[in-house]
Amino acid sequence: MEDVIEYKNLNKDEVQNRIYKEIAKINQKTKNISEQGYNLYLRDETSDIYKIENTENFLLGNNNYLYLIYAYGNNEFTSQMDLVIF
């Protein structure tokens, strides 16, 4: 992951901050929806899974976009995930 960040000429701290901001934004939307009575997964925004060094699922797409994938539940098969794009 760190090699890809370097390849894309990104700042590691800026990438980490953006990951946290995106997850917080997604979590706020989820909280708003759950307040309407829906049962949704609330993220632990302080979880270590969002640290760059723990990010295992990512890919560099055709347009040189970096896709960070944070899956929840069973990593082998799940429909619940967050996607952060750089």
PDB file of N, CA and C in Angstrom:
ATOM      1  N   MET A   1       0.821  -1.185   0.000  1.00  0.00           N
ATOM      2  CA  MET A   1       0.000   0.000   0.000  1.00  0.00           C
ATOM      3  C   MET A   1       0.867   1.252   0.000  1.00  0.00           C
ATOM      4  N   GLU A   2       1.888   1.267   0.838  1.00  0.00           N
ATOM      5  CA  GLU A   2       2.764   2.440   0.908  1.00  0.00           C
ATOM      6  C   GLU A   2       3.505   2.648  -0.406  1.00  0.00           C
ATOM      7  N   ASP A   3       3.851   1.573  -1.096  1.00  0.00           N
ATOM      8  CA  ASP A   3       4.510   1.698  -2.400  1.00  0.00           C
ATOM      9  C   ASP A   3       3.577   2.353  -3.424  1.00  0.00           C
ATOM     10  N   VAL A   4       2.298   2.007  -3.360  1.00  0.00           N
ATOM     11  CA  VAL A   4       1.325   2.591  -4.283  1.00  0.00           C
ATOM     12  C   VAL A   4       1.132   4.073  -3.979  1.00  0.00           C
ATOM     13  N   ILE A   5       1.088   4.432  -2.713  1.00  0.00           N
ATOM     14  CA  ILE A   5       0.964   5.838  -2.328  1.00  0.00           C
ATOM     15  C   ILE A   5       2.161   6.628  -2.862  1.00  0.00           C
ATOM     16  N   GLU A   6       3.334   6.055  -2.717  1.00  0.00           N
ATOM     17  CA  GLU A   6       4.539   6.709  -3.224  1.00  0.00           C
ATOM     18  C   GLU A   6       4.506   6.797  -4.755  1.00  0.00           C
ATOM     19  N   TYR A   7       4.082   5.718  -5.416  1.00  0.00           N
ATOM     20  CA  TYR A   7       3.986   5.695  -6.869  1.00  0.00           C
ATOM     21  C   TYR A   7       3.071   6.807  -7.393  1.00  0.00           C
ATOM     22  N   LYS A   8       1.978   7.059  -6.675  1.00  0.00           N
ATOM     23  CA  LYS A   8       1.015   8.075  -7.083  1.00  0.00           C
ATOM     24  C   LYS A   8       1.397   9.473  -6.597  1.00  0.00           C
ATOM     25  N   ASN A   9       2.566   9.595  -5.967  1.00  0.00           N
ATOM     26  CA  ASN A   9       3.047  10.879  -5.449  1.00  0.00           C
ATOM     27  C   ASN A   9       2.063  11.512  -4.463  1.00  0.00           C
ATOM     28  N   LEU A  10       1.501  10.677  -3.587  1.00  0.00           N
ATOM     29  CA  LEU A  10       0.574  11.150  -2.568  1.00  0.00           C
ATOM     30  C   LEU A  10       1.300  11.252  -1.239  1.00  0.00           C
ATOM     31  N   ASN A  11       0.818  12.119  -0.379  1.00  0.00           N
ATOM     32  CA  ASN A  11       1.355  12.270   0.956  1.00  0.00           C
ATOM     33  C   ASN A  11       0.631  11.284   1.872  1.00  0.00           C
ATOM     34  N   LYS A  12       1.383  10.448   2.581  1.00  0.00           N
ATOM     35  CA  LYS A  12       0.799   9.398   3.420  1.00  0.00           C
ATOM     36  C   LYS A  12      -0.147   9.979   4.467  1.00  0.00           C
ATOM     37  N   ASP A  13       0.239  11.063   5.125  1.00  0.00           N
ATOM     38  CA  ASP A  13      -0.616  11.667   6.151  1.00  0.00           C
ATOM     39  C   ASP A  13      -1.899  12.216   5.552  1.00  0.00           C
ATOM     40  N   GLU A  14      -1.819  12.815   4.371  1.00  0.00           N
ATOM     41  CA  GLU A  14      -3.015  13.329   3.710  1.00  0.00           C
ATOM     42  C   GLU A  14      -3.949  12.195   3.307  1.00  0.00           C
ATOM     43  N   VAL A  15      -3.383  11.094   2.836  1.00  0.00           N
ATOM     44  CA  VAL A  15      -4.190   9.926   2.480  1.00  0.00           C
ATOM     45  C   VAL A  15      -4.886   9.398   3.724  1.00  0.00           C
ATOM     46  N   GLN A  16      -4.139   9.265   4.832  1.00  0.00           N
ATOM     47  CA  GLN A  16      -4.728   8.762   6.070  1.00  0.00           C
ATOM     48  C   GLN A  16      -5.861   9.672   6.546  1.00  0.00           C
ATOM     49  N   ASN A  17      -5.649  10.977   6.515  1.00  0.00           N
ATOM     50  CA  ASN A  17      -6.689  11.917   6.937  1.00  0.00           C
ATOM     51  C   ASN A  17      -7.925  11.831   6.051  1.00  0.00           C
ATOM     52  N   ARG A  18      -7.722  11.663   4.763  1.00  0.00           N
ATOM     53  CA  ARG A  18      -8.872  11.555   3.861  1.00  0.00           C
ATOM     54  C   ARG A  18      -9.658  10.273   4.117  1.00  0.00           C
ATOM     55  N   ILE A  19      -8.956   9.188   4.410  1.00  0.00           N
ATOM     56  CA  ILE A  19      -9.636   7.938   4.744  1.00  0.00           C
ATOM     57  C   ILE A  19     -10.538   8.166   5.958  1.00  0.00           C
ATOM     58  N   TYR A  20      -9.984   8.763   7.007  1.00  0.00           N
ATOM     59  CA  TYR A  20     -10.771   9.015   8.213  1.00  0.00           C
ATOM     60  C   TYR A  20     -11.963   9.924   7.928  1.00  0.00           C
ATOM     61  N   LYS A  21     -11.772  10.955   7.129  1.00  0.00           N
ATOM     62  CA  LYS A  21     -12.868  11.881   6.802  1.00  0.00           C
ATOM     63  C   LYS A  21     -13.970  11.177   6.017  1.00  0.00           C
ATOM     64  N   GLU A  22     -13.587  10.356   5.038  1.00  0.00           N
ATOM     65  CA  GLU A  22     -14.585   9.646   4.225  1.00  0.00           C
ATOM     66  C   GLU A  22     -15.381   8.658   5.071  1.00  0.00           C
ATOM     67  N   ILE A  23     -14.700   7.931   5.953  1.00  0.00           N
ATOM     68  CA  ILE A  23     -15.391   6.972   6.811  1.00  0.00           C
ATOM     69  C   ILE A  23     -16.317   7.707   7.768  1.00  0.00           C
ATOM     70  N   ALA A  24     -15.891   8.838   8.301  1.00  0.00           N
ATOM     71  CA  ALA A  24     -16.748   9.621   9.195  1.00  0.00           C
ATOM     72  C   ALA A  24     -17.978  10.136   8.458  1.00  0.00           C
ATOM     73  N   LYS A  25     -17.792  10.565   7.202  1.00  0.00           N
ATOM     74  CA  LYS A  25     -18.920  11.056   6.403  1.00  0.00           C
ATOM     75  C   LYS A  25     -19.919   9.934   6.129  1.00  0.00           C
ATOM     76  N   ILE A  26     -19.417   8.761   5.769  1.00  0.00           N
ATOM     77  CA  ILE A  26     -20.278   7.606   5.518  1.00  0.00           C
ATOM     78  C   ILE A  26     -21.009   7.209   6.798  1.00  0.00           C
ATOM     79  N   ASN A  27     -20.290   7.216   7.907  1.00  0.00           N
ATOM     80  CA  ASN A  27     -20.888   6.831   9.172  1.00  0.00           C
ATOM     81  C   ASN A  27     -21.989   7.804   9.591  1.00  0.00           C
ATOM     82  N   GLN A  28     -21.801   9.089   9.326  1.00  0.00           N
ATOM     83  CA  GLN A  28     -22.830  10.067   9.666  1.00  0.00           C
ATOM     84  C   GLN A  28     -24.100   9.827   8.854  1.00  0.00           C
ATOM     85  N   LYS A  29     -23.937   9.528   7.571  1.00  0.00           N
ATOM     86  CA  LYS A  29     -25.106   9.205   6.739  1.00  0.00           C
ATOM     87  C   LYS A  29     -25.828   7.970   7.281  1.00  0.00           C
ATOM     88  N   THR A  30     -25.047   6.977   7.690  1.00  0.00           N
ATOM     89  CA  THR A  30     -25.625   5.755   8.240  1.00  0.00           C
ATOM     90  C   THR A  30     -26.384   6.049   9.526  1.00  0.00           C
ATOM     91  N   LYS A  31     -25.810   6.883  10.395  1.00  0.00           N
ATOM     92  CA  LYS A  31     -26.485   7.251  11.640  1.00  0.00           C
ATOM     93  C   LYS A  31     -27.801   7.955  11.347  1.00  0.00           C
ATOM     94  N   ASN A  32     -27.805   8.858  10.375  1.00  0.00           N
ATOM     95  CA  ASN A  32     -29.029   9.573  10.017  1.00  0.00           C
ATOM     96  C   ASN A  32     -30.119   8.611   9.552  1.00  0.00           C
ATOM     97  N   ILE A  33     -29.737   7.642   8.745  1.00  0.00           N
ATOM     98  CA  ILE A  33     -30.707   6.661   8.249  1.00  0.00           C
ATOM     99  C   ILE A  33     -31.179   5.756   9.384  1.00  0.00           C
ATOM    100  N   SER A  34     -30.256   5.347  10.268  1.00  0.00           N
ATOM    101  CA  SER A  34     -30.647   4.443  11.359  1.00  0.00           C
ATOM    102  C   SER A  34     -31.593   5.131  12.346  1.00  0.00           C
ATOM    103  N   GLU A  35     -31.498   6.448  12.456  1.00  0.00           N
ATOM    104  CA  GLU A  35     -32.408   7.190  13.328  1.00  0.00           C
ATOM    105  C   GLU A  35     -33.843   7.150  12.803  1.00  0.00           C
ATOM    106  N   GLN A  36     -34.019   6.789  11.555  1.00  0.00           N
ATOM    107  CA  GLN A  36     -35.343   6.654  10.963  1.00  0.00           C
ATOM    108  C   GLN A  36     -35.904   5.247  11.175  1.00  0.00           C
ATOM    109  N   GLY A  37     -35.178   4.429  11.920  1.00  0.00           N
ATOM    110  CA  GLY A  37     -35.681   3.106  12.267  1.00  0.00           C
ATOM    111  C   GLY A  37     -35.065   1.958  11.489  1.00  0.00           C
ATOM    112  N   TYR A  38     -34.136   2.235  10.609  1.00  0.00           N
ATOM    113  CA  TYR A  38     -33.490   1.166   9.833  1.00  0.00           C
ATOM    114  C   TYR A  38     -32.329   0.585  10.627  1.00  0.00           C
ATOM    115  N   ASN A  39     -32.095  -0.699  10.470  1.00  0.00           N
ATOM    116  CA  ASN A  39     -31.008  -1.380  11.151  1.00  0.00           C
ATOM    117  C   ASN A  39     -29.804  -1.445  10.207  1.00  0.00           C
ATOM    118  N   LEU A  40     -28.825  -0.596  10.456  1.00  0.00           N
ATOM    119  CA  LEU A  40     -27.650  -0.529   9.594  1.00  0.00           C
ATOM    120  C   LEU A  40     -26.379  -0.715  10.411  1.00  0.00           C
ATOM    121  N   TYR A  41     -25.308  -1.080   9.730  1.00  0.00           N
ATOM    122  CA  TYR A  41     -24.011  -1.276  10.373  1.00  0.00           C
ATOM    123  C   TYR A  41     -23.358   0.084  10.637  1.00  0.00           C
ATOM    124  N   LEU A  42     -23.072   0.381  11.911  1.00  0.00           N
ATOM    125  CA  LEU A  42     -22.339   1.595  12.264  1.00  0.00           C
ATOM    126  C   LEU A  42     -20.865   1.258  12.380  1.00  0.00           C
ATOM    127  N   ARG A  43     -20.042   2.050  11.758  1.00  0.00           N
ATOM    128  CA  ARG A  43     -18.609   1.806  11.740  1.00  0.00           C
ATOM    129  C   ARG A  43     -17.960   2.336  13.019  1.00  0.00           C
ATOM    130  N   ASP A  44     -16.889   1.687  13.422  1.00  0.00           N
ATOM    131  CA  ASP A  44     -16.050   2.206  14.496  1.00  0.00           C
ATOM    132  C   ASP A  44     -14.972   3.036  13.816  1.00  0.00           C
ATOM    133  N   GLU A  45     -15.173   4.337  13.813  1.00  0.00           N
ATOM    134  CA  GLU A  45     -14.276   5.236  13.083  1.00  0.00           C
ATOM    135  C   GLU A  45     -12.852   5.219  13.627  1.00  0.00           C
ATOM    136  N   THR A  46     -12.662   4.717  14.839  1.00  0.00           N
ATOM    137  CA  THR A  46     -11.324   4.666  15.438  1.00  0.00           C
ATOM    138  C   THR A  46     -10.646   3.319  15.224  1.00  0.00           C
ATOM    139  N   SER A  47     -11.299   2.424  14.489  1.00  0.00           N
ATOM    140  CA  SER A  47     -10.756   1.083  14.270  1.00  0.00           C
ATOM    141  C   SER A  47      -9.440   1.128  13.505  1.00  0.00           C
ATOM    142  N   ASP A  48      -8.552   0.220  13.854  1.00  0.00           N
ATOM    143  CA  ASP A  48      -7.255   0.129  13.184  1.00  0.00           C
ATOM    144  C   ASP A  48      -7.361  -0.331  11.735  1.00  0.00           C
ATOM    145  N   ILE A  49      -8.526  -0.855  11.323  1.00  0.00           N
ATOM    146  CA  ILE A  49      -8.636  -1.312   9.932  1.00  0.00           C
ATOM    147  C   ILE A  49      -8.474  -0.157   8.947  1.00  0.00           C
ATOM    148  N   TYR A  50      -8.703   1.073   9.400  1.00  0.00           N
ATOM    149  CA  TYR A  50      -8.613   2.232   8.510  1.00  0.00           C
ATOM    150  C   TYR A  50      -7.204   2.815   8.418  1.00  0.00           C
ATOM    151  N   LYS A  51      -6.257   2.237   9.145  1.00  0.00           N
ATOM    152  CA  LYS A  51      -4.871   2.707   9.050  1.00  0.00           C
ATOM    153  C   LYS A  51      -4.262   2.185   7.750  1.00  0.00           C
ATOM    154  N   ILE A  52      -3.466   3.011   7.125  1.00  0.00           N
ATOM    155  CA  ILE A  52      -2.846   2.646   5.846  1.00  0.00           C
ATOM    156  C   ILE A  52      -2.104   1.319   5.954  1.00  0.00           C
ATOM    157  N   GLU A  53      -1.342   1.144   7.025  1.00  0.00           N
ATOM    158  CA  GLU A  53      -0.538  -0.078   7.138  1.00  0.00           C
ATOM    159  C   GLU A  53      -1.396  -1.326   7.314  1.00  0.00           C
ATOM    160  N   ASN A  54      -2.672  -1.176   7.629  1.00  0.00           N
ATOM    161  CA  ASN A  54      -3.576  -2.314   7.778  1.00  0.00           C
ATOM    162  C   ASN A  54      -4.514  -2.490   6.587  1.00  0.00           C
ATOM    163  N   THR A  55      -4.438  -1.612   5.622  1.00  0.00           N
ATOM    164  CA  THR A  55      -5.311  -1.691   4.451  1.00  0.00           C
ATOM    165  C   THR A  55      -4.780  -2.762   3.515  1.00  0.00           C
ATOM    166  N   GLU A  56      -5.534  -3.868   3.419  1.00  0.00           N
ATOM    167  CA  GLU A  56      -5.097  -5.009   2.614  1.00  0.00           C
ATOM    168  C   GLU A  56      -5.780  -5.063   1.251  1.00  0.00           C
ATOM    169  N   ASN A  57      -6.974  -4.505   1.147  1.00  0.00           N
ATOM    170  CA  ASN A  57      -7.739  -4.610  -0.089  1.00  0.00           C
ATOM    171  C   ASN A  57      -7.729  -3.285  -0.829  1.00  0.00           C
ATOM    172  N   PHE A  58      -6.975  -3.250  -1.906  1.00  0.00           N
ATOM    173  CA  PHE A  58      -6.894  -2.050  -2.721  1.00  0.00           C
ATOM    174  C   PHE A  58      -6.502  -2.448  -4.129  1.00  0.00           C
ATOM    175  N   LEU A  59      -6.779  -1.565  -5.064  1.00  0.00           N
ATOM    176  CA  LEU A  59      -6.329  -1.803  -6.429  1.00  0.00           C
ATOM    177  C   LEU A  59      -6.084  -0.471  -7.120  1.00  0.00           C
ATOM    178  N   LEU A  60      -5.229  -0.516  -8.101  1.00  0.00           N
ATOM    179  CA  LEU A  60      -4.916   0.633  -8.928  1.00  0.00           C
ATOM    180  C   LEU A  60      -5.631   0.410 -10.245  1.00  0.00           C
ATOM    181  N   GLY A  61      -6.642   1.240 -10.520  1.00  0.00           N
ATOM    182  CA  GLY A  61      -7.494   1.049 -11.686  1.00  0.00           C
ATOM    183  C   GLY A  61      -6.888   1.536 -12.981  1.00  0.00           C
ATOM    184  N   ASN A  62      -7.625   1.311 -14.075  1.00  0.00           N
ATOM    185  CA  ASN A  62      -7.161   1.673 -15.408  1.00  0.00           C
ATOM    186  C   ASN A  62      -6.849   3.152 -15.565  1.00  0.00           C
ATOM    187  N   ASN A  63      -7.597   4.007 -14.908  1.00  0.00           N
ATOM    188  CA  ASN A  63      -7.388   5.448 -15.017  1.00  0.00           C
ATOM    189  C   ASN A  63      -6.438   5.959 -13.953  1.00  0.00           C
ATOM    190  N   ASN A  64      -5.639   5.066 -13.375  1.00  0.00           N
ATOM    191  CA  ASN A  64      -4.666   5.386 -12.346  1.00  0.00           C
ATOM    192  C   ASN A  64      -5.327   5.820 -11.033  1.00  0.00           C
ATOM    193  N   TYR A  65      -6.620   5.483 -10.863  1.00  0.00           N
ATOM    194  CA  TYR A  65      -7.283   5.736  -9.600  1.00  0.00           C
ATOM    195  C   TYR A  65      -6.896   4.651  -8.613  1.00  0.00           C
ATOM    196  N   LEU A  66      -6.703   5.052  -7.366  1.00  0.00           N
ATOM    197  CA  LEU A  66      -6.424   4.111  -6.296  1.00  0.00           C
ATOM    198  C   LEU A  66      -7.720   3.868  -5.542  1.00  0.00           C
ATOM    199  N   TYR A  67      -8.157   2.617  -5.471  1.00  0.00           N
ATOM    200  CA  TYR A  67      -9.388   2.231  -4.791  1.00  0.00           C
ATOM    201  C   TYR A  67      -9.032   1.489  -3.504  1.00  0.00           C
ATOM    202  N   LEU A  68      -9.445   2.032  -2.367  1.00  0.00           N
ATOM    203  CA  LEU A  68      -9.256   1.374  -1.079  1.00  0.00           C
ATOM    204  C   LEU A  68     -10.590   0.759  -0.676  1.00  0.00           C
ATOM    205  N   ILE A  69     -10.574  -0.522  -0.355  1.00  0.00           N
ATOM    206  CA  ILE A  69     -11.807  -1.257  -0.080  1.00  0.00           C
ATOM    207  C   ILE A  69     -11.781  -1.741   1.364  1.00  0.00           C
ATOM    208  N   TYR A  70     -12.812  -1.343   2.107  1.00  0.00           N
ATOM    209  CA  TYR A  70     -12.960  -1.763   3.499  1.00  0.00           C
ATOM    210  C   TYR A  70     -14.231  -2.594   3.614  1.00  0.00           C
ATOM    211  N   ALA A  71     -14.051  -3.918   3.688  1.00  0.00           N
ATOM    212  CA  ALA A  71     -15.178  -4.849   3.751  1.00  0.00           C
ATOM    213  C   ALA A  71     -15.509  -5.161   5.203  1.00  0.00           C
ATOM    214  N   TYR A  72     -16.790  -5.448   5.461  1.00  0.00           N
ATOM    215  CA  TYR A  72     -17.256  -5.746   6.812  1.00  0.00           C
ATOM    216  C   TYR A  72     -17.830  -7.147   6.856  1.00  0.00           C
ATOM    217  N   GLY A  73     -17.630  -7.790   7.984  1.00  0.00           N
ATOM    218  CA  GLY A  73     -18.140  -9.142   8.141  1.00  0.00           C
ATOM    219  C   GLY A  73     -17.150 -10.132   7.568  1.00  0.00           C
ATOM    220  N   ASN A  74     -17.648 -11.090   6.847  1.00  0.00           N
ATOM    221  CA  ASN A  74     -16.837 -12.130   6.232  1.00  0.00           C
ATOM    222  C   ASN A  74     -16.122 -11.545   5.019  1.00  0.00           C
ATOM    223  N   ASN A  75     -14.808 -11.440   5.066  1.00  0.00           N
ATOM    224  CA  ASN A  75     -14.055 -10.850   3.960  1.00  0.00           C
ATOM    225  C   ASN A  75     -14.087 -11.700   2.696  1.00  0.00           C
ATOM    226  N   GLU A  76     -14.433 -12.971   2.827  1.00  0.00           N
ATOM    227  CA  GLU A  76     -14.516 -13.846   1.660  1.00  0.00           C
ATOM    228  C   GLU A  76     -15.785 -13.590   0.865  1.00  0.00           C
ATOM    229  N   PHE A  77     -16.842 -13.213   1.555  1.00  0.00           N
ATOM    230  CA  PHE A  77     -18.113 -12.960   0.883  1.00  0.00           C
ATOM    231  C   PHE A  77     -18.908 -11.953   1.696  1.00  0.00           C
ATOM    232  N   THR A  78     -19.044 -10.748   1.170  1.00  0.00           N
ATOM    233  CA  THR A  78     -19.826  -9.724   1.854  1.00  0.00           C
ATOM    234  C   THR A  78     -20.337  -8.714   0.834  1.00  0.00           C
ATOM    235  N   SER A  79     -21.467  -8.139   1.143  1.00  0.00           N
ATOM    236  CA  SER A  79     -21.979  -7.064   0.292  1.00  0.00           C
ATOM    237  C   SER A  79     -21.832  -5.730   1.000  1.00  0.00           C
ATOM    238  N   GLN A  80     -21.254  -5.755   2.194  1.00  0.00           N
ATOM    239  CA  GLN A  80     -21.064  -4.536   2.966  1.00  0.00           C
ATOM    240  C   GLN A  80     -19.625  -4.074   2.871  1.00  0.00           C
ATOM    241  N   MET A  81     -19.432  -2.907   2.264  1.00  0.00           N
ATOM    242  CA  MET A  81     -18.078  -2.379   2.164  1.00  0.00           C
ATOM    243  C   MET A  81     -18.104  -0.888   1.933  1.00  0.00           C
ATOM    244  N   ASP A  82     -16.990  -0.257   2.233  1.00  0.00           N
ATOM    245  CA  ASP A  82     -16.782   1.150   1.935  1.00  0.00           C
ATOM    246  C   ASP A  82     -15.666   1.242   0.923  1.00  0.00           C
ATOM    247  N   LEU A  83     -15.764   2.230   0.064  1.00  0.00           N
ATOM    248  CA  LEU A  83     -14.774   2.436  -0.980  1.00  0.00           C
ATOM    249  C   LEU A  83     -14.285   3.873  -0.897  1.00  0.00           C
ATOM    250  N   VAL A  84     -12.966   4.046  -0.782  1.00  0.00           N
ATOM    251  CA  VAL A  84     -12.339   5.374  -0.767  1.00  0.00           C
ATOM    252  C   VAL A  84     -11.486   5.449  -2.029  1.00  0.00           C
ATOM    253  N   ILE A  85     -11.673   6.485  -2.820  1.00  0.00           N
ATOM    254  CA  ILE A  85     -10.999   6.593  -4.120  1.00  0.00           C
ATOM    255  C   ILE A  85     -10.063   7.796  -4.132  1.00  0.00           C
ATOM    256  N   PHE A  86      -8.864   7.575  -4.641  1.00  0.00           N
ATOM    257  CA  PHE A  86      -7.868   8.644  -4.828  1.00  0.00           C
ATOM    258  C   PHE A  86      -7.492   8.724  -6.289  1.00  0.00           C
TER     259      PHE A  86
END
